[in-house]
């Protein structure tokens, strides 16, 4: 480990800045193109050095003060002017599309928190359309725990390491309500004498409209069950917790996976209004972040969905996209691996008066025979790993006329398009800033079958 002065001149797709030392690349989060910084080099791999910024010596004109000290753990672009963030994301998305297409292409549009309302009618954005923001937008936040001065603290992991960083107030990407709830739970555990080694994570989920929260505390010591079970009763209405769970999770696994539920009170589900419809989802299920930008993406998908007979929504989650587009098709089929999510999707269809929705629980390796038969439009909204190879094979075989591919990872989306481009052409590609102050974004790629 050593320190060096580095001038940074570019950004990489993962959000780190890149400079050079002795003609060898150096990557660091929290630096920007135009910065000169003193950098502590802590790792070298395949000829690339990785470092952390110790001091900014000469600042980029795009640099702004971060909202919190731990910004590199959660949102390393907090130090970048927002208009520059949007410009960089649009450029990165264009590079990924161009690489897959074998030419040069930029996204047709990039919707950010300032532009989204000017492009879409209020009826598509709902009440949240007037509240777009670059902080406080997350619908889920997951805290770890550490101790400082023998006191329990909320924590995140430092980026690129297992070292934990204490969070005295929570995180700026979470709302005030989420942070209040997290601090109240932390304070209750401090009073009960619970230590960090007995705990794994605290997950807070929040619906924006209506404003409500649920919490799940994952513990590694069953003996804290009684003390933690009393926390929900002690929380004030100001924390707005609709439900609380205490869950034992295998300490040998780093993931927040339930082994046994030790306590449950209140609701385990939330409801979120997106556009003109409401959707229920479980505290441990998937739901999109940044509701106004997601509403914008739904509006653009609607604009690209012709009136058809059959629409299939792969990776449908709780049915948000398929149900939102249900008036564009006589038949809507939703496919999702998690049976609990499919139950929510069926409930959501009924609650929103969509009688022609059919939900099927299966994973993306075993799509049932006949599901894609006759589908004119297929919606894909996969996890970051992208489409399973069996989905690619099925799409090529059935060749629906149009694919609406929404992705939280344009790199895997571009890879998947490369596997489909013999049979499909890009009709349009648009970006959406679901994750301000981070390098992450959503991309909507519309693919039309070639004749």
Foldseek 3Di string as FASTA:
>chain_A
DAKDKWAFADADLQGWTWTDDPNFIETEFLADHGWIFIWDFDDDDPRYTYTYGPGTPGHDPQFDDAPDDQCQLPFSLSGGHQVVLQVNLQVVLQVLQCVLVVHGDTFPAADELVCLPVVDPCLLQDPCNVVRDQWQFFQKDKWAWDDDPNAIFTWTARPPDNDIDGDHQGDRNHHNLQSVLVVLLSVLCRVVVDHRQQFQMKMWGFAVVVTAIAIETETQDLVCLVSSQCSVVPDDCSSRHQKYWYFYDHPVDNDRDGPGTSHIDGDQWDWYDGNNFIFIDGSPFDDATRRSLVSSVLVVVLVVQAQEAEEEEEQCQLNVNQLSNLVSYVAYEYEHQDPRRQVRNVVRCVVRVNPRYHYDHDDLQCDDPPPLAPHQEYEAEDAQQDHDVSNLVVCVVRVRFKYWYKYFHSNNVSVSCSSCVVFWDWPGKYWYCSNRSHSITMMITMIGTDD
